[in-house]
């Protein structure tokens, strides 16, 4: 599934329900979660490096961060958002295909 990123807008990046896959299945509420955006050639998009996703207080493993509107992105181009999470040896890694679009009314 391709996610849309709206050019010239702040875009919310969200991970929901982060859990440990061990037998306990506990929610991970103290993880280090970071996102990076890469262009089609695999190059890190300059300002997007190291977007910190912070724990949403009172949630069950939810984290949020913002891809800033100041990022120079080209409409129609495809990018890859990579998200990494780590809490006490429990590790997660996601690659999300993204397309840049204009926001229309």
PDB file of N, CA and C in Angstrom:
ATOM      1  N   UNK A   1       0.843  -1.175   0.000  1.00  0.00           N
ATOM      2  CA  UNK A   1       0.000   0.000   0.000  1.00  0.00           C
ATOM      3  C   UNK A   1       0.892   1.243   0.000  1.00  0.00           C
ATOM      4  N   UNK A   2       0.604   2.168  -0.864  1.00  0.00           N
ATOM      5  CA  UNK A   2       1.364   3.413  -0.958  1.00  0.00           C
ATOM      6  C   UNK A   2       0.681   4.467  -0.087  1.00  0.00           C
ATOM      7  N   UNK A   3       1.461   5.097   0.767  1.00  0.00           N
ATOM      8  CA  UNK A   3       0.965   6.183   1.609  1.00  0.00           C
ATOM      9  C   UNK A   3       1.238   7.501   0.904  1.00  0.00           C
ATOM     10  N   UNK A   4       0.355   8.463   1.090  1.00  0.00           N
ATOM     11  CA  UNK A   4       0.512   9.771   0.482  1.00  0.00           C
ATOM     12  C   UNK A   4       1.192  10.728   1.452  1.00  0.00           C
ATOM     13  N   UNK A   5       2.111  11.524   0.905  1.00  0.00           N
ATOM     14  CA  UNK A   5       2.719  12.619   1.645  1.00  0.00           C
ATOM     15  C   UNK A   5       2.306  13.889   0.921  1.00  0.00           C
ATOM     16  N   UNK A   6       1.732  14.827   1.671  1.00  0.00           N
ATOM     17  CA  UNK A   6       1.261  16.075   1.080  1.00  0.00           C
ATOM     18  C   UNK A   6       2.390  17.102   1.070  1.00  0.00           C
ATOM     19  N   UNK A   7       2.775  17.510  -0.155  1.00  0.00           N
ATOM     20  CA  UNK A   7       3.858  18.491  -0.309  1.00  0.00           C
ATOM     21  C   UNK A   7       3.457  19.812   0.333  1.00  0.00           C
ATOM     22  N   UNK A   8       4.424  20.489   0.928  1.00  0.00           N
ATOM     23  CA  UNK A   8       4.243  21.790   1.574  1.00  0.00           C
ATOM     24  C   UNK A   8       3.296  21.732   2.772  1.00  0.00           C
ATOM     25  N   UNK A   9       3.145  20.550   3.370  1.00  0.00           N
ATOM     26  CA  UNK A   9       2.339  20.372   4.581  1.00  0.00           C
ATOM     27  C   UNK A   9       3.169  19.603   5.602  1.00  0.00           C
ATOM     28  N   UNK A  10       2.922  19.869   6.877  1.00  0.00           N
ATOM     29  CA  UNK A  10       3.462  18.986   7.903  1.00  0.00           C
ATOM     30  C   UNK A  10       2.698  17.680   7.802  1.00  0.00           C
ATOM     31  N   UNK A  11       3.396  16.554   7.846  1.00  0.00           N
ATOM     32  CA  UNK A  11       2.771  15.233   7.725  1.00  0.00           C
ATOM     33  C   UNK A  11       3.060  14.430   8.986  1.00  0.00           C
ATOM     34  N   UNK A  12       2.004  13.900   9.602  1.00  0.00           N
ATOM     35  CA  UNK A  12       2.127  13.105  10.808  1.00  0.00           C
ATOM     36  C   UNK A  12       2.572  11.692  10.445  1.00  0.00           C
ATOM     37  N   UNK A  13       3.598  11.216  11.118  1.00  0.00           N
ATOM     38  CA  UNK A  13       4.052   9.837  10.973  1.00  0.00           C
ATOM     39  C   UNK A  13       3.650   9.140  12.263  1.00  0.00           C
ATOM     40  N   UNK A  14       2.951   8.027  12.144  1.00  0.00           N
ATOM     41  CA  UNK A  14       2.420   7.370  13.341  1.00  0.00           C
ATOM     42  C   UNK A  14       2.655   5.867  13.299  1.00  0.00           C
ATOM     43  N   UNK A  15       3.104   5.333  14.432  1.00  0.00           N
ATOM     44  CA  UNK A  15       3.193   3.898  14.659  1.00  0.00           C
ATOM     45  C   UNK A  15       2.212   3.609  15.786  1.00  0.00           C
ATOM     46  N   UNK A  16       1.317   2.647  15.577  1.00  0.00           N
ATOM     47  CA  UNK A  16       0.312   2.361  16.595  1.00  0.00           C
ATOM     48  C   UNK A  16       0.442   0.939  17.120  1.00  0.00           C
ATOM     49  N   UNK A  17       0.224   0.792  18.417  1.00  0.00           N
ATOM     50  CA  UNK A  17       0.172  -0.519  19.037  1.00  0.00           C
ATOM     51  C   UNK A  17       1.465  -1.296  18.991  1.00  0.00           C
ATOM     52  N   UNK A  18       2.599  -0.624  19.182  1.00  0.00           N
ATOM     53  CA  UNK A  18       3.893  -1.303  19.151  1.00  0.00           C
ATOM     54  C   UNK A  18       3.965  -2.302  20.310  1.00  0.00           C
ATOM     55  N   UNK A  19       4.238  -3.574  19.968  1.00  0.00           N
ATOM     56  CA  UNK A  19       4.251  -4.640  20.979  1.00  0.00           C
ATOM     57  C   UNK A  19       5.500  -5.491  20.880  1.00  0.00           C
ATOM     58  N   UNK A  20       5.824  -6.117  22.006  1.00  0.00           N
ATOM     59  CA  UNK A  20       6.899  -7.103  22.072  1.00  0.00           C
ATOM     60  C   UNK A  20       6.333  -8.416  21.534  1.00  0.00           C
ATOM     61  N   UNK A  21       7.080  -9.086  20.662  1.00  0.00           N
ATOM     62  CA  UNK A  21       6.557 -10.330  20.082  1.00  0.00           C
ATOM     63  C   UNK A  21       6.807 -11.544  20.966  1.00  0.00           C
ATOM     64  N   UNK A  22       7.398 -11.315  22.134  1.00  0.00           N
ATOM     65  CA  UNK A  22       7.630 -12.437  23.052  1.00  0.00           C
ATOM     66  C   UNK A  22       6.288 -12.920  23.597  1.00  0.00           C
ATOM     67  N   UNK A  23       6.327 -13.948  24.384  1.00  0.00           N
ATOM     68  CA  UNK A  23       5.113 -14.543  24.946  1.00  0.00           C
ATOM     69  C   UNK A  23       4.272 -13.532  25.714  1.00  0.00           C
ATOM     70  N   UNK A  24       4.908 -12.519  26.293  1.00  0.00           N
ATOM     71  CA  UNK A  24       4.155 -11.538  27.087  1.00  0.00           C
ATOM     72  C   UNK A  24       3.265 -10.661  26.208  1.00  0.00           C
ATOM     73  N   UNK A  25       3.754 -10.318  25.010  1.00  0.00           N
ATOM     74  CA  UNK A  25       2.982  -9.457  24.108  1.00  0.00           C
ATOM     75  C   UNK A  25       2.755  -8.060  24.647  1.00  0.00           C
ATOM     76  N   UNK A  26       3.587  -7.639  25.609  1.00  0.00           N
ATOM     77  CA  UNK A  26       3.418  -6.330  26.234  1.00  0.00           C
ATOM     78  C   UNK A  26       3.576  -5.200  25.214  1.00  0.00           C
ATOM     79  N   UNK A  27       2.818  -4.117  25.437  1.00  0.00           N
ATOM     80  CA  UNK A  27       3.004  -2.920  24.625  1.00  0.00           C
ATOM     81  C   UNK A  27       4.337  -2.290  24.985  1.00  0.00           C
ATOM     82  N   UNK A  28       5.006  -1.747  23.987  1.00  0.00           N
ATOM     83  CA  UNK A  28       6.289  -1.079  24.182  1.00  0.00           C
ATOM     84  C   UNK A  28       6.038   0.421  24.283  1.00  0.00           C
ATOM     85  N   UNK A  29       6.148   0.938  25.490  1.00  0.00           N
ATOM     86  CA  UNK A  29       5.840   2.346  25.738  1.00  0.00           C
ATOM     87  C   UNK A  29       7.079   3.180  26.042  1.00  0.00           C
ATOM     88  N   UNK A  30       8.275   2.585  25.868  1.00  0.00           N
ATOM     89  CA  UNK A  30       9.516   3.314  26.146  1.00  0.00           C
ATOM     90  C   UNK A  30      10.549   3.065  25.049  1.00  0.00           C
ATOM     91  N   UNK A  31      10.085   2.847  23.837  1.00  0.00           N
ATOM     92  CA  UNK A  31      10.987   2.542  22.722  1.00  0.00           C
ATOM     93  C   UNK A  31      11.625   3.807  22.156  1.00  0.00           C
ATOM     94  N   UNK A  32      12.745   3.607  21.485  1.00  0.00           N
ATOM     95  CA  UNK A  32      13.345   4.644  20.656  1.00  0.00           C
ATOM     96  C   UNK A  32      12.833   4.377  19.251  1.00  0.00           C
ATOM     97  N   UNK A  33      12.118   5.347  18.673  1.00  0.00           N
ATOM     98  CA  UNK A  33      11.521   5.175  17.355  1.00  0.00           C
ATOM     99  C   UNK A  33      11.958   6.339  16.473  1.00  0.00           C
ATOM    100  N   UNK A  34      12.483   6.009  15.282  1.00  0.00           N
ATOM    101  CA  UNK A  34      13.013   7.023  14.367  1.00  0.00           C
ATOM    102  C   UNK A  34      12.599   6.686  12.944  1.00  0.00           C
ATOM    103  N   UNK A  35      12.347   7.738  12.157  1.00  0.00           N
ATOM    104  CA  UNK A  35      11.977   7.558  10.754  1.00  0.00           C
ATOM    105  C   UNK A  35      12.933   8.336   9.862  1.00  0.00           C
ATOM    106  N   UNK A  36      13.179   7.794   8.665  1.00  0.00           N
ATOM    107  CA  UNK A  36      14.003   8.450   7.650  1.00  0.00           C
ATOM    108  C   UNK A  36      13.306   8.306   6.308  1.00  0.00           C
ATOM    109  N   UNK A  37      13.377   9.353   5.494  1.00  0.00           N
ATOM    110  CA  UNK A  37      12.763   9.342   4.171  1.00  0.00           C
ATOM    111  C   UNK A  37      13.859   9.276   3.115  1.00  0.00           C
ATOM    112  N   UNK A  38      13.704   8.344   2.173  1.00  0.00           N
ATOM    113  CA  UNK A  38      14.686   8.137   1.108  1.00  0.00           C
ATOM    114  C   UNK A  38      14.030   8.348  -0.248  1.00  0.00           C
ATOM    115  N   UNK A  39      14.795   8.923  -1.189  1.00  0.00           N
ATOM    116  CA  UNK A  39      14.281   9.086  -2.547  1.00  0.00           C
ATOM    117  C   UNK A  39      14.393   7.765  -3.304  1.00  0.00           C
ATOM    118  N   UNK A  40      13.959   7.769  -4.566  1.00  0.00           N
ATOM    119  CA  UNK A  40      13.931   6.567  -5.402  1.00  0.00           C
ATOM    120  C   UNK A  40      15.316   5.938  -5.606  1.00  0.00           C
ATOM    121  N   UNK A  41      16.367   6.760  -5.474  1.00  0.00           N
ATOM    122  CA  UNK A  41      17.733   6.262  -5.646  1.00  0.00           C
ATOM    123  C   UNK A  41      18.343   5.764  -4.338  1.00  0.00           C
ATOM    124  N   UNK A  42      17.571   5.824  -3.254  1.00  0.00           N
ATOM    125  CA  UNK A  42      18.063   5.367  -1.961  1.00  0.00           C
ATOM    126  C   UNK A  42      18.828   6.405  -1.175  1.00  0.00           C
ATOM    127  N   UNK A  43      18.782   7.672  -1.634  1.00  0.00           N
ATOM    128  CA  UNK A  43      19.467   8.751  -0.928  1.00  0.00           C
ATOM    129  C   UNK A  43      18.577   9.320   0.165  1.00  0.00           C
ATOM    130  N   UNK A  44      19.162   9.579   1.328  1.00  0.00           N
ATOM    131  CA  UNK A  44      18.429  10.192   2.417  1.00  0.00           C
ATOM    132  C   UNK A  44      18.011  11.590   1.991  1.00  0.00           C
ATOM    133  N   UNK A  45      16.731  11.907   2.151  1.00  0.00           N
ATOM    134  CA  UNK A  45      16.243  13.247   1.833  1.00  0.00           C
ATOM    135  C   UNK A  45      16.748  14.161   2.948  1.00  0.00           C
ATOM    136  N   UNK A  46      17.411  15.225   2.571  1.00  0.00           N
ATOM    137  CA  UNK A  46      18.251  16.035   3.454  1.00  0.00           C
ATOM    138  C   UNK A  46      17.679  16.339   4.835  1.00  0.00           C
ATOM    139  N   UNK A  47      16.575  16.999   4.922  1.00  0.00           N
ATOM    140  CA  UNK A  47      16.077  17.452   6.217  1.00  0.00           C
ATOM    141  C   UNK A  47      15.309  16.370   6.978  1.00  0.00           C
ATOM    142  N   UNK A  48      14.986  15.266   6.321  1.00  0.00           N
ATOM    143  CA  UNK A  48      14.135  14.276   6.977  1.00  0.00           C
ATOM    144  C   UNK A  48      14.907  13.286   7.833  1.00  0.00           C
ATOM    145  N   UNK A  49      16.218  13.351   7.821  1.00  0.00           N
ATOM    146  CA  UNK A  49      17.012  12.387   8.583  1.00  0.00           C
ATOM    147  C   UNK A  49      16.718  12.442  10.069  1.00  0.00           C
ATOM    148  N   UNK A  50      16.479  11.295  10.625  1.00  0.00           N
ATOM    149  CA  UNK A  50      16.310  11.197  12.061  1.00  0.00           C
ATOM    150  C   UNK A  50      15.081  11.871  12.631  1.00  0.00           C
ATOM    151  N   UNK A  51      13.916  11.620  12.048  1.00  0.00           N
ATOM    152  CA  UNK A  51      12.672  12.144  12.609  1.00  0.00           C
ATOM    153  C   UNK A  51      12.338  11.292  13.835  1.00  0.00           C
ATOM    154  N   UNK A  52      12.337  11.910  15.000  1.00  0.00           N
ATOM    155  CA  UNK A  52      12.031  11.190  16.230  1.00  0.00           C
ATOM    156  C   UNK A  52      10.525  11.054  16.386  1.00  0.00           C
ATOM    157  N   UNK A  53      10.078   9.826  16.639  1.00  0.00           N
ATOM    158  CA  UNK A  53       8.679   9.579  16.952  1.00  0.00           C
ATOM    159  C   UNK A  53       8.597   9.408  18.459  1.00  0.00           C
ATOM    160  N   UNK A  54       7.821  10.240  19.110  1.00  0.00           N
ATOM    161  CA  UNK A  54       7.705  10.240  20.563  1.00  0.00           C
ATOM    162  C   UNK A  54       6.501   9.431  21.007  1.00  0.00           C
ATOM    163  N   UNK A  55       6.631   8.824  22.162  1.00  0.00           N
ATOM    164  CA  UNK A  55       5.533   8.053  22.744  1.00  0.00           C
ATOM    165  C   UNK A  55       4.343   8.965  23.014  1.00  0.00           C
ATOM    166  N   UNK A  56       3.144   8.521  22.662  1.00  0.00           N
ATOM    167  CA  UNK A  56       1.914   9.260  22.927  1.00  0.00           C
ATOM    168  C   UNK A  56       1.469   8.892  24.346  1.00  0.00           C
ATOM    169  N   UNK A  57       1.562   9.839  25.239  1.00  0.00           N
ATOM    170  CA  UNK A  57       1.277   9.608  26.653  1.00  0.00           C
ATOM    171  C   UNK A  57      -0.088   8.950  26.861  1.00  0.00           C
ATOM    172  N   UNK A  58      -0.089   7.881  27.677  1.00  0.00           N
ATOM    173  CA  UNK A  58      -1.322   7.187  28.015  1.00  0.00           C
ATOM    174  C   UNK A  58      -1.795   6.194  26.972  1.00  0.00           C
ATOM    175  N   UNK A  59      -1.052   6.051  25.884  1.00  0.00           N
ATOM    176  CA  UNK A  59      -1.468   5.133  24.818  1.00  0.00           C
ATOM    177  C   UNK A  59      -0.918   3.732  25.068  1.00  0.00           C
ATOM    178  N   UNK A  60      -1.272   2.827  24.199  1.00  0.00           N
ATOM    179  CA  UNK A  60      -0.751   1.469  24.244  1.00  0.00           C
ATOM    180  C   UNK A  60       0.174   1.270  23.055  1.00  0.00           C
ATOM    181  N   UNK A  61       1.419   1.746  23.201  1.00  0.00           N
ATOM    182  CA  UNK A  61       2.437   1.556  22.187  1.00  0.00           C
ATOM    183  C   UNK A  61       2.322   2.449  20.971  1.00  0.00           C
ATOM    184  N   UNK A  62       1.746   3.646  21.117  1.00  0.00           N
ATOM    185  CA  UNK A  62       1.623   4.576  19.992  1.00  0.00           C
ATOM    186  C   UNK A  62       2.737   5.620  20.035  1.00  0.00           C
ATOM    187  N   UNK A  63       3.262   5.943  18.831  1.00  0.00           N
ATOM    188  CA  UNK A  63       4.349   6.917  18.682  1.00  0.00           C
ATOM    189  C   UNK A  63       4.027   7.838  17.522  1.00  0.00           C
ATOM    190  N   UNK A  64       4.401   9.123  17.648  1.00  0.00           N
ATOM    191  CA  UNK A  64       4.150  10.098  16.590  1.00  0.00           C
ATOM    192  C   UNK A  64       5.344  11.012  16.380  1.00  0.00           C
ATOM    193  N   UNK A  65       5.516  11.428  15.120  1.00  0.00           N
ATOM    194  CA  UNK A  65       6.527  12.407  14.746  1.00  0.00           C
ATOM    195  C   UNK A  65       6.032  13.152  13.518  1.00  0.00           C
ATOM    196  N   UNK A  66       6.736  14.212  13.135  1.00  0.00           N
ATOM    197  CA  UNK A  66       6.276  15.057  12.031  1.00  0.00           C
ATOM    198  C   UNK A  66       7.360  15.202  10.965  1.00  0.00           C
ATOM    199  N   UNK A  67       6.971  14.903   9.717  1.00  0.00           N
ATOM    200  CA  UNK A  67       7.781  15.241   8.553  1.00  0.00           C
ATOM    201  C   UNK A  67       7.420  16.681   8.232  1.00  0.00           C
ATOM    202  N   UNK A  68       8.366  17.589   8.362  1.00  0.00           N
ATOM    203  CA  UNK A  68       8.102  19.020   8.252  1.00  0.00           C
ATOM    204  C   UNK A  68       7.754  19.472   6.833  1.00  0.00           C
ATOM    205  N   UNK A  69       6.951  20.511   6.752  1.00  0.00           N
ATOM    206  CA  UNK A  69       6.512  21.079   5.472  1.00  0.00           C
ATOM    207  C   UNK A  69       7.664  21.707   4.696  1.00  0.00           C
ATOM    208  N   UNK A  70       8.764  21.999   5.366  1.00  0.00           N
ATOM    209  CA  UNK A  70       9.902  22.664   4.728  1.00  0.00           C
ATOM    210  C   UNK A  70      10.724  21.716   3.860  1.00  0.00           C
ATOM    211  N   UNK A  71      10.404  20.425   3.919  1.00  0.00           N
ATOM    212  CA  UNK A  71      11.129  19.440   3.119  1.00  0.00           C
ATOM    213  C   UNK A  71      10.871  19.676   1.632  1.00  0.00           C
ATOM    214  N   UNK A  72      11.907  19.640   0.802  1.00  0.00           N
ATOM    215  CA  UNK A  72      11.765  19.814  -0.650  1.00  0.00           C
ATOM    216  C   UNK A  72      11.458  18.463  -1.286  1.00  0.00           C
ATOM    217  N   UNK A  73      10.191  18.259  -1.645  1.00  0.00           N
ATOM    218  CA  UNK A  73       9.734  17.003  -2.241  1.00  0.00           C
ATOM    219  C   UNK A  73       9.080  17.288  -3.577  1.00  0.00           C
ATOM    220  N   UNK A  74       9.218  16.370  -4.516  1.00  0.00           N
ATOM    221  CA  UNK A  74       8.697  16.556  -5.863  1.00  0.00           C
ATOM    222  C   UNK A  74       7.404  15.785  -6.051  1.00  0.00           C
ATOM    223  N   UNK A  75       6.350  16.510  -6.448  1.00  0.00           N
ATOM    224  CA  UNK A  75       5.053  15.880  -6.693  1.00  0.00           C
ATOM    225  C   UNK A  75       5.199  14.801  -7.753  1.00  0.00           C
ATOM    226  N   UNK A  76       4.595  13.644  -7.482  1.00  0.00           N
ATOM    227  CA  UNK A  76       4.617  12.534  -8.424  1.00  0.00           C
ATOM    228  C   UNK A  76       5.753  11.557  -8.180  1.00  0.00           C
ATOM    229  N   UNK A  77       6.780  12.002  -7.472  1.00  0.00           N
ATOM    230  CA  UNK A  77       7.902  11.106  -7.187  1.00  0.00           C
ATOM    231  C   UNK A  77       7.537  10.136  -6.065  1.00  0.00           C
ATOM    232  N   UNK A  78       8.198   8.993  -6.082  1.00  0.00           N
ATOM    233  CA  UNK A  78       7.996   8.008  -5.025  1.00  0.00           C
ATOM    234  C   UNK A  78       9.196   8.013  -4.093  1.00  0.00           C
ATOM    235  N   UNK A  79       8.909   7.843  -2.821  1.00  0.00           N
ATOM    236  CA  UNK A  79       9.914   7.831  -1.772  1.00  0.00           C
ATOM    237  C   UNK A  79       9.676   6.607  -0.895  1.00  0.00           C
ATOM    238  N   UNK A  80      10.642   6.301  -0.047  1.00  0.00           N
ATOM    239  CA  UNK A  80      10.487   5.203   0.896  1.00  0.00           C
ATOM    240  C   UNK A  80      10.737   5.748   2.299  1.00  0.00           C
ATOM    241  N   UNK A  81       9.761   5.552   3.168  1.00  0.00           N
ATOM    242  CA  UNK A  81       9.888   5.931   4.564  1.00  0.00           C
ATOM    243  C   UNK A  81      10.300   4.687   5.339  1.00  0.00           C
ATOM    244  N   UNK A  82      11.425   4.776   6.044  1.00  0.00           N
ATOM    245  CA  UNK A  82      11.881   3.653   6.850  1.00  0.00           C
ATOM    246  C   UNK A  82      11.762   4.041   8.315  1.00  0.00           C
ATOM    247  N   UNK A  83      11.139   3.148   9.091  1.00  0.00           N
ATOM    248  CA  UNK A  83      10.907   3.388  10.512  1.00  0.00           C
ATOM    249  C   UNK A  83      11.596   2.280  11.298  1.00  0.00           C
ATOM    250  N   UNK A  84      12.356   2.678  12.317  1.00  0.00           N
ATOM    251  CA  UNK A  84      13.040   1.724  13.182  1.00  0.00           C
ATOM    252  C   UNK A  84      12.626   1.966  14.624  1.00  0.00           C
ATOM    253  N   UNK A  85      12.360   0.863  15.336  1.00  0.00           N
ATOM    254  CA  UNK A  85      11.996   0.927  16.749  1.00  0.00           C
ATOM    255  C   UNK A  85      12.847  -0.066  17.524  1.00  0.00           C
ATOM    256  N   UNK A  86      13.206   0.319  18.753  1.00  0.00           N
ATOM    257  CA  UNK A  86      14.017  -0.558  19.598  1.00  0.00           C
ATOM    258  C   UNK A  86      13.702  -0.264  21.061  1.00  0.00           C
ATOM    259  N   UNK A  87      13.357  -1.319  21.779  1.00  0.00           N
ATOM    260  CA  UNK A  87      13.188  -1.203  23.227  1.00  0.00           C
ATOM    261  C   UNK A  87      13.714  -2.471  23.871  1.00  0.00           C
ATOM    262  N   UNK A  88      14.825  -2.354  24.557  1.00  0.00           N
ATOM    263  CA  UNK A  88      15.380  -3.476  25.293  1.00  0.00           C
ATOM    264  C   UNK A  88      15.604  -4.723  24.471  1.00  0.00           C
ATOM    265  N   UNK A  89      16.039  -4.560  23.237  1.00  0.00           N
ATOM    266  CA  UNK A  89      16.305  -5.716  22.376  1.00  0.00           C
ATOM    267  C   UNK A  89      15.143  -6.128  21.505  1.00  0.00           C
ATOM    268  N   UNK A  90      13.958  -5.597  21.760  1.00  0.00           N
ATOM    269  CA  UNK A  90      12.815  -5.831  20.867  1.00  0.00           C
ATOM    270  C   UNK A  90      12.947  -4.809  19.739  1.00  0.00           C
ATOM    271  N   UNK A  91      13.116  -5.299  18.502  1.00  0.00           N
ATOM    272  CA  UNK A  91      13.430  -4.433  17.368  1.00  0.00           C
ATOM    273  C   UNK A  91      12.352  -4.548  16.296  1.00  0.00           C
ATOM    274  N   UNK A  92      11.983  -3.410  15.711  1.00  0.00           N
ATOM    275  CA  UNK A  92      11.052  -3.392  14.586  1.00  0.00           C
ATOM    276  C   UNK A  92      11.616  -2.551  13.463  1.00  0.00           C
ATOM    277  N   UNK A  93      11.329  -2.926  12.223  1.00  0.00           N
ATOM    278  CA  UNK A  93      11.794  -2.173  11.053  1.00  0.00           C
ATOM    279  C   UNK A  93      10.709  -2.246   9.982  1.00  0.00           C
ATOM    280  N   UNK A  94      10.306  -1.084   9.465  1.00  0.00           N
ATOM    281  CA  UNK A  94       9.277  -1.009   8.425  1.00  0.00           C
ATOM    282  C   UNK A  94       9.786  -0.176   7.267  1.00  0.00           C
ATOM    283  N   UNK A  95       9.390  -0.564   6.049  1.00  0.00           N
ATOM    284  CA  UNK A  95       9.620   0.232   4.845  1.00  0.00           C
ATOM    285  C   UNK A  95       8.252   0.509   4.236  1.00  0.00           C
ATOM    286  N   UNK A  96       7.962   1.799   4.069  1.00  0.00           N
ATOM    287  CA  UNK A  96       6.656   2.213   3.571  1.00  0.00           C
ATOM    288  C   UNK A  96       6.854   3.008   2.285  1.00  0.00           C
ATOM    289  N   UNK A  97       6.237   2.554   1.193  1.00  0.00           N
ATOM    290  CA  UNK A  97       6.300   3.298  -0.067  1.00  0.00           C
ATOM    291  C   UNK A  97       5.374   4.500   0.031  1.00  0.00           C
ATOM    292  N   UNK A  98       5.897   5.656  -0.410  1.00  0.00           N
ATOM    293  CA  UNK A  98       5.150   6.907  -0.315  1.00  0.00           C
ATOM    294  C   UNK A  98       5.169   7.631  -1.653  1.00  0.00           C
ATOM    295  N   UNK A  99       4.089   8.319  -1.928  1.00  0.00           N
ATOM    296  CA  UNK A  99       4.006   9.169  -3.126  1.00  0.00           C
ATOM    297  C   UNK A  99       3.713  10.597  -2.679  1.00  0.00           C
ATOM    298  N   UNK A 100       4.383  11.546  -3.328  1.00  0.00           N
ATOM    299  CA  UNK A 100       4.200  12.959  -2.999  1.00  0.00           C
ATOM    300  C   UNK A 100       3.076  13.523  -3.859  1.00  0.00           C
ATOM    301  N   UNK A 101       2.099  14.183  -3.187  1.00  0.00           N
ATOM    302  CA  UNK A 101       0.952  14.745  -3.887  1.00  0.00           C
ATOM    303  C   UNK A 101       0.694  16.155  -3.368  1.00  0.00           C
ATOM    304  N   UNK A 102      -0.063  16.928  -4.154  1.00  0.00           N
ATOM    305  CA  UNK A 102      -0.554  18.231  -3.710  1.00  0.00           C
ATOM    306  C   UNK A 102      -1.837  18.009  -2.919  1.00  0.00           C
ATOM    307  N   UNK A 103      -2.036  18.795  -1.892  1.00  0.00           N
ATOM    308  CA  UNK A 103      -3.301  18.716  -1.147  1.00  0.00           C
ATOM    309  C   UNK A 103      -4.290  19.619  -1.864  1.00  0.00           C
ATOM    310  N   UNK A 104      -5.441  19.037  -2.214  1.00  0.00           N
ATOM    311  CA  UNK A 104      -6.505  19.771  -2.891  1.00  0.00           C
ATOM    312  C   UNK A 104      -7.740  19.816  -2.017  1.00  0.00           C
ATOM    313  N   UNK A 105      -8.508  20.865  -2.186  1.00  0.00           N
ATOM    314  CA  UNK A 105      -9.740  21.031  -1.383  1.00  0.00           C
ATOM    315  C   UNK A 105     -10.771  20.000  -1.759  1.00  0.00           C
TER     316      UNK A 105
END
